[in-house]
Amino acid sequence: MNVLIAFLSFLLPVAAGTLLVPTHLSGGAGTVADRGFRISLGAGIGLGAGSLLYFLLLSLSAGVSPARLFLFEAILFSSLAFLAVRYAEKKTIEALPETEGKAFAIPRWALRTVAAVFIFVLAAAILTEVFLTFARPHGGWDAWAIWNLRARFLFRGGEYWRDAFSPLLAEIHPDYPLLLPGLVARGWTYLGRDAVSFPAAVAMFYTVSTIGVLASSLALLRGSFQGLLAGVALACTPIFLRHGASQYADVPFGYYLLGTFALLHLARISRGRRAMSLAGFTAGLACWTKNEGVILLAALAAVWIIGVLASSERELEIRRAGWFVLGALPPLLALAYLKFGLAPPGDMTAEFDPAAAWERIVEPARYLEVGAAVAREAIFQLHLPLIAGYLLFSGALIRKGERGAVLRLWASLSLIIAAYFFVYVITSKPLAWHLGTSLSRLMTQLFPSLLFAFFLTATAVTVQAAGRRQAVAAPEPGRRGKSPMKRRGGR
């Protein structure tokens, strides 16, 4: 019975999150890509809100009972679902301008083949996650020593749950954000016990949903072929699957990172307020997932400032930034309370010495060591040369109305990568050890968003119309193309 209650408790936030996610593309509503995007991203948004609500209730009392939790969640998510339907943005988005050059055209059987490959690879990825979970049901070291341990403090601690942030636990990073522990503790509260299977199920959800967000968002923006190809590329990356099954917070962080960029892209080409507010919320959830979220916010702010200075629509940019900040406030307020009211300073902050950091900055060997490690990771683990090769083969061709959005995406990712690189340069920890224990996880965080940027930049692929020898560009989603026979007078 408890398992059924726990399952049903997840339907409400998933449904509310799904209703909140807009498509904002011409004719996108009702398609497979649209439904996949709404479900795969909306579920994570709803569950992230559930983690925030659990932390709020815990902060106001000594413990959280299933009945009390369900009551508050029923009120919150029912209200959100009602508002999402009541104030749905029903304006029609005009079709984006076509690309200036010709897109690649493929026969329809090629699209069906890629779709079959995607389904097979996705099934194989899910089976891989299951086998990895059975091999290590408690996850990797950080899972049981940090993330799941903190979830047990929240679930079992009662009035002493704040002991999870004791300075005596400095070795297991009590300053880390609580999205993942809060979500796991929420599930355990409904189950009535700290079942080992639940953190594994959460890890599975974020791994599969990341593939879903990537494939569906690109299918909406670049057509089914590009979306399916990107999904295959991510699902075939062993290190992504391995970190997904580890029950660490890196894949969930990468999920919210990708969701932020996808929503920002939709908001910039459609000028939708809801997409902008949800982008702020997912960026805030990224901060509520890992400390690296602060780097995401700094990169977005820097790119926004440059964009405002170069834009002729500064008022619009400022209004859109206001919607973004409004969406980001709930998770950022929770994070501020955690950082300044509960947790001790993090080890990176406590150990920072400006004089020693400057000595590392002016040491060329550190740049070479970090650069070599990043190159090895990109080549042998993420296989980025293959993706870059596809981009070189297809060429870069972006719709006129999306060029600014794609440029901002690449600029934001570049700043995040540069920040990660610089953190390694100045770290006080042994550099080889620090790179060996964390670089693959950081690269895994960025990989889905890098794939998103790559395939947005590549030339679009269209499908040949049935029964024709020449390639014809696919009509815009939702528009009915005219038969060539009718255009020639019906002959």
Protein backbone atom coordinates (compact mmCIF):
# COMPACT_ATOMS: atom_id res chain seq x y z
CA MET A 1 0.00 0.00 0.00
CA ASN A 2 2.80 2.43 0.87
CA VAL A 3 4.41 1.78 -2.52
CA LEU A 4 1.13 2.65 -4.26
CA ILE A 5 0.78 5.82 -2.19
CA ALA A 6 4.36 6.82 -3.02
CA PHE A 7 3.70 6.23 -6.72
CA LEU A 8 0.48 8.25 -6.66
CA SER A 9 2.22 11.05 -4.75
CA PHE A 10 4.46 11.60 -7.74
CA LEU A 11 1.66 11.91 -10.25
CA LEU A 12 0.46 15.27 -8.94
CA PRO A 13 3.78 17.20 -9.22
CA VAL A 14 4.50 15.53 -12.56
CA ALA A 15 1.08 16.54 -13.91
CA ALA A 16 1.40 20.10 -12.60
CA GLY A 17 4.90 20.49 -14.03
CA THR A 18 3.80 19.09 -17.38
CA LEU A 19 0.96 21.63 -17.62
CA LEU A 20 3.35 24.46 -16.78
CA VAL A 21 5.80 23.72 -19.59
CA PRO A 22 4.96 25.65 -22.77
CA THR A 23 5.93 24.64 -26.31
CA HIS A 24 5.87 28.05 -27.98
CA LEU A 25 6.51 26.68 -31.45
CA SER A 26 4.32 27.03 -34.49
CA GLY A 27 2.14 23.93 -34.70
CA GLY A 28 4.12 22.18 -31.99
CA ALA A 29 1.19 21.41 -29.71
CA GLY A 30 0.00 17.83 -29.79
CA THR A 31 3.00 16.32 -31.55
CA VAL A 32 5.05 13.47 -30.13
CA ALA A 33 7.97 15.85 -29.63
CA ASP A 34 5.75 18.33 -27.79
CA ARG A 35 4.35 15.69 -25.44
CA GLY A 36 7.81 14.25 -24.84
CA PHE A 37 9.21 17.68 -24.04
CA ARG A 38 6.39 18.59 -21.68
CA ILE A 39 6.55 15.30 -19.77
CA SER A 40 10.33 14.85 -19.59
CA LEU A 41 10.95 18.45 -18.49
CA GLY A 42 7.72 19.06 -16.59
CA ALA A 43 8.25 15.99 -14.41
CA GLY A 44 11.62 17.30 -13.24
CA ILE A 45 10.20 20.76 -12.61
CA GLY A 46 7.37 19.32 -10.52
CA LEU A 47 9.63 17.04 -8.52
CA GLY A 48 12.10 19.87 -7.95
CA ALA A 49 9.24 21.91 -6.52
CA GLY A 50 8.38 18.90 -4.33
CA SER A 51 11.92 18.90 -2.93
CA LEU A 52 11.61 22.62 -2.11
CA LEU A 53 8.25 22.12 -0.38
CA TYR A 54 9.62 19.21 1.68
CA PHE A 55 12.53 21.39 2.84
CA LEU A 56 10.13 24.23 3.68
CA LEU A 57 7.89 21.98 5.79
CA LEU A 58 10.92 20.46 7.50
CA SER A 59 12.26 23.93 8.33
CA LEU A 60 8.94 24.88 9.95
CA SER A 61 8.60 21.76 12.11
CA ALA A 62 10.49 18.90 13.72
CA GLY A 63 9.35 16.36 11.16
CA VAL A 64 7.10 15.80 8.17
CA SER A 65 4.28 13.25 8.21
CA PRO A 66 2.95 11.72 4.98
CA ALA A 67 -0.55 13.13 5.57
CA ARG A 68 0.71 16.66 6.18
CA LEU A 69 3.04 16.50 3.21
CA PHE A 70 0.29 15.24 0.92
CA LEU A 71 -2.11 17.97 2.08
CA PHE A 72 0.34 20.79 1.33
CA GLU A 73 1.39 19.25 -1.97
CA ALA A 74 -2.21 18.72 -3.06
CA ILE A 75 -2.96 22.40 -2.41
CA LEU A 76 0.22 23.67 -4.10
CA PHE A 77 0.24 21.48 -7.20
CA SER A 78 -3.52 21.67 -7.76
CA SER A 79 -3.25 25.46 -7.65
CA LEU A 80 -0.33 25.44 -10.08
CA ALA A 81 -2.18 23.12 -12.44
CA PHE A 82 -5.27 25.33 -12.32
CA LEU A 83 -3.27 28.49 -12.99
CA ALA A 84 -1.38 26.80 -15.83
CA VAL A 85 -4.63 25.92 -17.59
CA ARG A 86 -6.44 29.16 -16.69
CA TYR A 87 -3.69 31.47 -17.87
CA ALA A 88 -2.29 29.42 -20.71
CA GLU A 89 -0.58 31.55 -23.35
CA LYS A 90 -2.81 30.92 -26.34
CA LYS A 91 -1.15 33.25 -28.80
CA THR A 92 0.00 31.72 -32.05
CA ILE A 93 3.72 31.84 -32.65
CA GLU A 94 4.66 32.76 -36.18
CA ALA A 95 6.88 30.40 -38.09
CA LEU A 96 10.57 31.12 -37.83
CA PRO A 97 12.41 32.38 -40.92
CA GLU A 98 13.90 29.65 -43.05
CA THR A 99 17.63 29.12 -43.23
CA GLU A 100 19.40 30.94 -46.02
CA GLY A 101 20.90 27.80 -47.55
CA LYS A 102 19.57 24.38 -48.41
CA ALA A 103 19.08 21.76 -45.75
CA PHE A 104 20.12 18.16 -46.15
CA ALA A 105 17.33 15.94 -47.40
CA ILE A 106 17.01 12.29 -46.46
CA PRO A 107 14.52 9.64 -47.54
CA ARG A 108 11.72 8.80 -45.13
CA TRP A 109 13.08 5.31 -44.51
CA ALA A 110 16.25 6.87 -43.10
CA LEU A 111 14.19 8.75 -40.51
CA ARG A 112 12.35 5.56 -39.59
CA THR A 113 15.69 3.77 -39.25
CA VAL A 114 17.06 6.44 -36.89
CA ALA A 115 13.82 6.28 -34.87
CA ALA A 116 14.18 2.50 -34.54
CA VAL A 117 17.83 2.91 -33.50
CA PHE A 118 16.81 5.51 -30.90
CA ILE A 119 14.20 3.19 -29.38
CA PHE A 120 16.70 0.31 -29.28
CA VAL A 121 19.45 2.45 -27.76
CA LEU A 122 17.09 3.95 -25.19
CA ALA A 123 15.96 0.46 -24.14
CA ALA A 124 19.59 -0.64 -23.92
CA ALA A 125 20.44 2.41 -21.82
CA ILE A 126 17.61 1.61 -19.38
CA LEU A 127 18.78 -2.00 -19.10
CA THR A 128 22.33 -0.79 -18.52
CA GLU A 129 21.12 1.45 -15.70
CA VAL A 130 19.28 -1.51 -14.16
CA PHE A 131 22.36 -3.76 -14.31
CA LEU A 132 24.62 -1.03 -12.88
CA THR A 133 22.12 -0.47 -10.06
CA PHE A 134 22.01 -4.17 -9.18
CA ALA A 135 25.82 -4.19 -9.16
CA ARG A 136 25.93 -1.20 -6.77
CA PRO A 137 22.49 -0.74 -5.18
CA HIS A 138 23.77 1.96 -2.81
CA GLY A 139 25.42 3.89 -5.65
CA GLY A 140 28.97 5.22 -5.66
CA TRP A 141 30.99 6.61 -2.79
CA ASP A 142 29.47 10.10 -2.85
CA ALA A 143 25.95 8.62 -3.01
CA TRP A 144 26.04 6.80 0.31
CA ALA A 145 28.62 9.10 1.97
CA ILE A 146 27.00 12.43 1.00
CA TRP A 147 23.69 12.50 -0.88
CA ASN A 148 21.80 9.52 0.56
CA LEU A 149 23.33 10.04 4.00
CA ARG A 150 21.94 13.58 4.05
CA ALA A 151 18.56 12.25 2.90
CA ARG A 152 18.59 9.88 5.91
CA PHE A 153 19.31 12.80 8.23
CA LEU A 154 16.26 14.62 6.82
CA PHE A 155 14.03 11.53 6.97
CA ARG A 156 15.17 9.93 10.24
CA GLY A 157 16.47 12.93 12.17
CA GLY A 158 13.20 14.21 13.58
CA GLU A 159 13.94 17.31 15.64
CA TYR A 160 17.68 16.70 15.12
CA TRP A 161 17.61 16.83 11.30
CA ARG A 162 19.77 19.96 11.36
CA ASP A 163 22.67 17.81 12.58
CA ALA A 164 23.17 17.05 8.90
CA PHE A 165 24.92 20.44 8.66
CA SER A 166 27.23 20.03 11.63
CA PRO A 167 30.80 21.29 11.13
CA LEU A 168 31.87 17.88 12.48
CA LEU A 169 30.78 16.46 9.11
CA ALA A 170 33.04 18.77 7.11
CA GLU A 171 34.56 15.81 5.24
CA ILE A 172 31.20 15.01 3.60
CA HIS A 173 30.41 18.59 2.53
CA PRO A 174 27.46 19.69 4.71
CA ASP A 175 27.16 22.83 2.56
CA TYR A 176 25.99 20.91 -0.53
CA PRO A 177 22.48 21.85 -1.76
CA LEU A 178 19.52 19.62 -0.99
CA LEU A 179 17.46 18.99 -4.12
CA LEU A 180 18.49 15.35 -4.38
CA PRO A 181 18.46 14.55 -0.62
CA GLY A 182 15.15 16.39 -0.25
CA LEU A 183 13.58 14.50 -3.13
CA VAL A 184 14.78 11.15 -1.78
CA ALA A 185 13.65 11.98 1.77
CA ARG A 186 10.26 13.02 0.39
CA GLY A 187 9.85 9.62 -1.26
CA TRP A 188 10.95 7.81 1.88
CA THR A 189 8.38 9.79 3.87
CA TYR A 190 5.61 8.48 1.64
CA LEU A 191 7.06 4.95 1.69
CA GLY A 192 7.48 4.98 5.45
CA ARG A 193 11.04 3.57 5.26
CA ASP A 194 14.40 4.41 3.72
CA ALA A 195 14.22 1.88 0.89
CA VAL A 196 17.48 1.45 -1.04
CA SER A 197 15.56 1.17 -4.31
CA PHE A 198 14.15 4.69 -4.16
CA PRO A 199 17.37 6.70 -4.73
CA ALA A 200 18.11 4.31 -7.60
CA ALA A 201 14.69 5.06 -9.12
CA VAL A 202 15.33 8.79 -8.83
CA ALA A 203 18.69 8.35 -10.55
CA MET A 204 17.02 6.36 -13.33
CA PHE A 205 14.41 9.09 -13.77
CA TYR A 206 16.96 11.87 -14.26
CA THR A 207 19.08 9.80 -16.64
CA VAL A 208 16.20 8.85 -18.92
CA SER A 209 14.55 12.27 -18.67
CA THR A 210 17.75 14.03 -19.71
CA ILE A 211 17.75 11.96 -22.91
CA GLY A 212 14.05 12.81 -23.33
CA VAL A 213 14.52 16.57 -22.91
CA LEU A 214 17.44 16.62 -25.36
CA ALA A 215 15.72 14.57 -28.07
CA SER A 216 12.31 16.24 -27.80
CA SER A 217 13.55 19.84 -27.61
CA LEU A 218 15.74 19.39 -30.68
CA ALA A 219 12.90 17.60 -32.48
CA LEU A 220 10.74 20.68 -31.88
CA LEU A 221 13.47 23.09 -32.95
CA ARG A 222 15.33 21.17 -35.68
CA GLY A 223 13.10 18.31 -36.73
CA SER A 224 12.82 14.68 -35.71
CA PHE A 225 16.05 13.49 -37.33
CA GLN A 226 18.25 15.92 -35.39
CA GLY A 227 16.44 15.22 -32.14
CA LEU A 228 16.67 11.45 -32.48
CA LEU A 229 20.33 11.62 -33.49
CA ALA A 230 21.19 13.73 -30.45
CA GLY A 231 19.28 11.31 -28.20
CA VAL A 232 21.22 8.37 -29.65
CA ALA A 233 24.52 10.19 -29.09
CA LEU A 234 23.71 10.82 -25.41
CA ALA A 235 22.26 7.36 -24.71
CA CYS A 236 25.37 5.74 -26.27
CA THR A 237 27.79 7.59 -23.97
CA PRO A 238 28.98 5.08 -21.32
CA ILE A 239 30.26 7.67 -18.85
CA PHE A 240 26.88 9.43 -18.84
CA LEU A 241 25.11 6.16 -18.01
CA ARG A 242 27.70 5.26 -15.38
CA HIS A 243 27.33 8.59 -13.58
CA GLY A 244 23.56 8.34 -13.97
CA ALA A 245 23.50 5.04 -12.07
CA SER A 246 25.97 6.30 -9.43
CA GLN A 247 23.15 8.23 -7.67
CA TYR A 248 25.30 11.36 -7.64
CA ALA A 249 23.83 14.82 -8.26
CA ASP A 250 25.78 15.49 -11.48
CA VAL A 251 23.26 14.03 -13.94
CA PRO A 252 20.33 15.82 -12.20
CA PHE A 253 22.36 19.04 -12.36
CA GLY A 254 23.01 18.46 -16.07
CA TYR A 255 19.28 17.85 -16.53
CA TYR A 256 18.34 21.23 -15.06
CA LEU A 257 21.18 22.89 -16.95
CA LEU A 258 19.83 21.50 -20.23
CA GLY A 259 16.26 22.41 -19.27
CA THR A 260 17.35 26.00 -18.57
CA PHE A 261 19.03 26.37 -21.96
CA ALA A 262 16.11 24.74 -23.81
CA LEU A 263 13.56 27.02 -22.12
CA LEU A 264 15.73 30.11 -22.66
CA HIS A 265 15.99 29.25 -26.34
CA LEU A 266 12.22 28.81 -26.63
CA ALA A 267 11.64 32.05 -24.72
CA ARG A 268 14.00 34.06 -26.94
CA ILE A 269 12.46 32.94 -30.21
CA SER A 270 8.86 33.16 -28.97
CA ARG A 271 9.10 35.96 -26.39
CA GLY A 272 6.97 33.93 -23.98
CA ARG A 273 6.85 34.98 -20.34
CA ARG A 274 6.09 31.52 -18.97
CA ALA A 275 9.08 29.97 -20.70
CA MET A 276 11.31 32.72 -19.27
CA SER A 277 9.97 32.24 -15.72
CA LEU A 278 10.36 28.47 -15.95
CA ALA A 279 13.91 28.96 -17.25
CA GLY A 280 14.62 30.96 -14.10
CA PHE A 281 13.03 28.22 -11.99
CA THR A 282 15.10 25.44 -13.60
CA ALA A 283 18.25 27.57 -13.20
CA GLY A 284 17.33 27.99 -9.53
CA LEU A 285 16.78 24.24 -9.23
CA ALA A 286 20.25 23.72 -10.72
CA CYS A 287 21.60 25.88 -7.88
CA TRP A 288 19.50 23.83 -5.43
CA THR A 289 21.15 20.68 -6.87
CA LYS A 290 24.86 21.52 -6.87
CA ASN A 291 27.15 24.42 -5.98
CA GLU A 292 28.11 24.70 -9.66
CA GLY A 293 24.71 26.34 -10.21
CA VAL A 294 26.23 29.63 -9.06
CA ILE A 295 28.57 29.45 -12.06
CA LEU A 296 25.55 28.94 -14.32
CA LEU A 297 23.87 32.07 -12.94
CA ALA A 298 27.07 34.10 -13.27
CA ALA A 299 27.52 33.00 -16.89
CA LEU A 300 23.90 33.80 -17.77
CA ALA A 301 24.18 37.22 -16.09
CA ALA A 302 27.40 38.06 -17.97
CA VAL A 303 25.91 37.06 -21.32
CA TRP A 304 22.72 39.00 -20.53
CA ILE A 305 24.64 42.19 -19.69
CA ILE A 306 26.56 42.01 -22.95
CA GLY A 307 23.33 41.27 -24.83
CA VAL A 308 21.58 44.28 -23.26
CA LEU A 309 24.44 46.60 -24.18
CA ALA A 310 24.35 45.37 -27.79
CA SER A 311 20.56 45.17 -28.10
CA SER A 312 18.17 47.73 -29.51
CA GLU A 313 15.34 46.26 -27.37
CA ARG A 314 16.71 46.95 -23.92
CA GLU A 315 13.29 47.36 -22.32
CA LEU A 316 12.24 43.93 -23.55
CA GLU A 317 15.49 42.38 -22.31
CA ILE A 318 15.02 43.91 -18.86
CA ARG A 319 11.41 42.70 -18.64
CA ARG A 320 12.44 39.20 -19.65
CA ALA A 321 15.22 39.24 -17.06
CA GLY A 322 12.62 40.22 -14.47
CA TRP A 323 10.50 37.16 -15.32
CA PHE A 324 13.63 35.00 -15.11
CA VAL A 325 14.55 36.34 -11.66
CA LEU A 326 10.98 35.90 -10.46
CA GLY A 327 11.06 32.23 -11.44
CA ALA A 328 14.45 31.70 -9.82
CA LEU A 329 13.50 33.23 -6.46
CA PRO A 330 11.93 30.21 -4.66
CA PRO A 331 14.93 27.85 -5.00
CA LEU A 332 17.41 30.69 -4.47
CA LEU A 333 15.71 31.75 -1.24
CA ALA A 334 15.85 28.15 0.00
CA LEU A 335 19.52 27.99 -0.96
CA ALA A 336 20.27 31.27 0.84
CA TYR A 337 18.67 29.91 4.03
CA LEU A 338 20.71 26.72 3.71
CA LYS A 339 24.00 28.51 3.09
CA PHE A 340 23.67 31.32 5.62
CA GLY A 341 21.36 29.81 8.22
CA LEU A 342 22.28 26.13 8.45
CA ALA A 343 25.49 25.00 6.75
CA PRO A 344 29.09 25.90 7.56
CA PRO A 345 31.30 27.40 4.83
CA GLY A 346 32.34 25.01 2.06
CA ASP A 347 35.84 23.63 1.85
CA MET A 348 36.70 25.63 -1.29
CA THR A 349 35.80 28.87 0.52
CA ALA A 350 37.39 27.96 3.86
CA GLU A 351 40.67 26.86 2.25
CA PHE A 352 40.99 29.77 -0.18
CA ASP A 353 44.23 31.74 0.18
CA PRO A 354 44.61 34.66 -2.28
CA ALA A 355 48.42 34.64 -2.18
CA ALA A 356 48.66 30.89 -2.80
CA ALA A 357 45.99 31.13 -5.52
CA TRP A 358 48.01 33.79 -7.34
CA GLU A 359 51.08 31.56 -7.30
CA ARG A 360 49.04 28.84 -9.03
CA ILE A 361 47.59 31.27 -11.55
CA VAL A 362 51.05 32.25 -12.84
CA GLU A 363 52.24 28.63 -13.08
CA PRO A 364 52.03 27.54 -16.76
CA ALA A 365 52.38 23.82 -15.95
CA ARG A 366 48.98 23.82 -14.23
CA TYR A 367 47.26 25.09 -17.38
CA LEU A 368 48.92 22.38 -19.43
CA GLU A 369 47.93 19.66 -16.96
CA VAL A 370 44.30 20.80 -16.77
CA GLY A 371 44.10 21.28 -20.54
CA ALA A 372 45.49 17.81 -21.21
CA ALA A 373 43.02 16.22 -18.78
CA VAL A 374 40.09 18.07 -20.36
CA ALA A 375 41.21 17.01 -23.85
CA ARG A 376 41.51 13.36 -22.80
CA GLU A 377 38.05 13.44 -21.25
CA ALA A 378 36.49 15.10 -24.28
CA ILE A 379 38.12 12.71 -26.77
CA PHE A 380 38.01 9.34 -25.04
CA GLN A 381 34.98 9.61 -22.73
CA LEU A 382 32.55 12.00 -24.43
CA HIS A 383 33.72 11.39 -28.01
CA LEU A 384 33.30 15.08 -28.84
CA PRO A 385 35.46 14.80 -31.99
CA LEU A 386 32.75 12.60 -33.54
CA ILE A 387 30.11 15.23 -32.76
CA ALA A 388 32.36 17.99 -34.04
CA GLY A 389 32.98 15.89 -37.16
CA TYR A 390 29.25 15.70 -37.79
CA LEU A 391 29.05 19.48 -37.43
CA LEU A 392 31.89 19.95 -39.91
CA PHE A 393 30.26 17.52 -42.35
CA SER A 394 26.82 19.11 -42.16
CA GLY A 395 28.04 22.66 -41.86
CA ALA A 396 26.68 25.38 -39.58
CA LEU A 397 23.39 26.84 -40.73
CA ILE A 398 21.07 28.54 -38.24
CA ARG A 399 17.64 30.07 -38.76
CA LYS A 400 17.77 33.87 -38.95
CA GLY A 401 15.45 34.31 -35.99
CA GLU A 402 17.56 32.03 -33.76
CA ARG A 403 21.07 33.29 -34.37
CA GLY A 404 21.18 35.52 -31.32
CA ALA A 405 19.79 32.76 -29.09
CA VAL A 406 22.31 30.19 -30.36
CA LEU A 407 25.17 32.65 -29.93
CA ARG A 408 24.11 33.29 -26.32
CA LEU A 409 23.92 29.56 -25.70
CA TRP A 410 27.48 29.01 -26.92
CA ALA A 411 28.72 32.05 -24.96
CA SER A 412 27.13 30.79 -21.73
CA LEU A 413 28.58 27.30 -22.14
CA SER A 414 32.01 28.73 -22.95
CA LEU A 415 31.98 30.84 -19.77
CA ILE A 416 30.95 27.82 -17.66
CA ILE A 417 33.74 25.71 -19.16
CA ALA A 418 36.24 28.52 -18.59
CA ALA A 419 35.11 28.82 -14.95
CA TYR A 420 35.49 25.08 -14.38
CA PHE A 421 38.95 25.23 -15.95
CA PHE A 422 40.00 28.15 -13.74
CA VAL A 423 38.75 26.43 -10.56
CA TYR A 424 41.14 23.56 -11.28
CA VAL A 425 43.99 26.00 -11.88
CA ILE A 426 43.59 27.67 -8.48
CA THR A 427 42.52 24.65 -6.41
CA SER A 428 44.43 24.07 -3.19
CA LYS A 429 43.89 20.31 -3.44
CA PRO A 430 46.44 18.05 -5.19
CA LEU A 431 45.73 18.80 -8.84
CA ALA A 432 46.05 15.26 -10.23
CA TRP A 433 43.76 13.90 -7.50
CA HIS A 434 41.22 16.69 -7.97
CA LEU A 435 41.09 16.14 -11.74
CA GLY A 436 40.86 12.38 -11.37
CA THR A 437 37.98 12.46 -8.90
CA SER A 438 35.78 15.20 -10.37
CA LEU A 439 36.58 16.13 -13.99
CA SER A 440 34.54 13.33 -15.59
CA ARG A 441 31.54 14.32 -13.49
CA LEU A 442 31.82 17.99 -14.49
CA MET A 443 32.10 17.05 -18.16
CA THR A 444 29.05 14.82 -17.78
CA GLN A 445 27.11 17.80 -16.40
CA LEU A 446 27.84 19.83 -19.55
CA PHE A 447 27.61 17.10 -22.19
CA PRO A 448 23.80 17.17 -22.78
CA SER A 449 23.88 20.97 -23.17
CA LEU A 450 26.87 20.75 -25.50
CA LEU A 451 24.95 18.27 -27.67
CA PHE A 452 22.00 20.67 -27.64
CA ALA A 453 24.24 23.50 -28.85
CA PHE A 454 25.96 21.33 -31.49
CA PHE A 455 22.72 20.18 -33.09
CA LEU A 456 21.17 23.65 -32.96
CA THR A 457 24.18 24.89 -34.90
CA ALA A 458 24.29 22.10 -37.48
CA THR A 459 22.45 22.34 -40.78
CA ALA A 460 18.86 21.13 -40.51
CA VAL A 461 17.90 17.77 -42.01
CA THR A 462 14.61 17.48 -43.88
CA VAL A 463 12.70 14.47 -45.11
CA GLN A 464 11.92 13.81 -48.74
CA ALA A 465 8.24 13.80 -49.58
CA ALA A 466 6.89 10.36 -50.44
CA GLY A 467 6.93 9.47 -54.12
CA ARG A 468 9.33 12.19 -55.21
CA ARG A 469 12.83 11.91 -56.52
CA GLN A 470 13.99 15.34 -55.46
CA ALA A 471 14.40 16.38 -51.85
CA VAL A 472 11.78 18.76 -50.61
CA ALA A 473 12.13 20.76 -47.42
CA ALA A 474 9.65 19.66 -44.80
CA PRO A 475 6.87 22.18 -44.12
CA GLU A 476 6.78 23.99 -40.83
CA PRO A 477 5.20 21.90 -38.04
CA GLY A 478 1.44 22.17 -38.10
CA ARG A 479 1.29 23.57 -41.67
CA ARG A 480 -0.24 21.52 -44.43
CA GLY A 481 1.99 21.46 -47.48
CA LYS A 482 0.40 21.63 -50.93
CA SER A 483 0.82 18.81 -53.38
CA PRO A 484 3.24 19.58 -56.23
CA MET A 485 0.62 18.23 -58.64
CA LYS A 486 -1.86 20.83 -57.44
CA ARG A 487 0.69 23.59 -57.75
CA ARG A 488 1.08 22.63 -61.40
CA GLY A 489 -2.59 22.76 -62.11
CA GLY A 490 -3.46 19.24 -60.96
CA ARG A 491 -1.54 17.38 -63.66
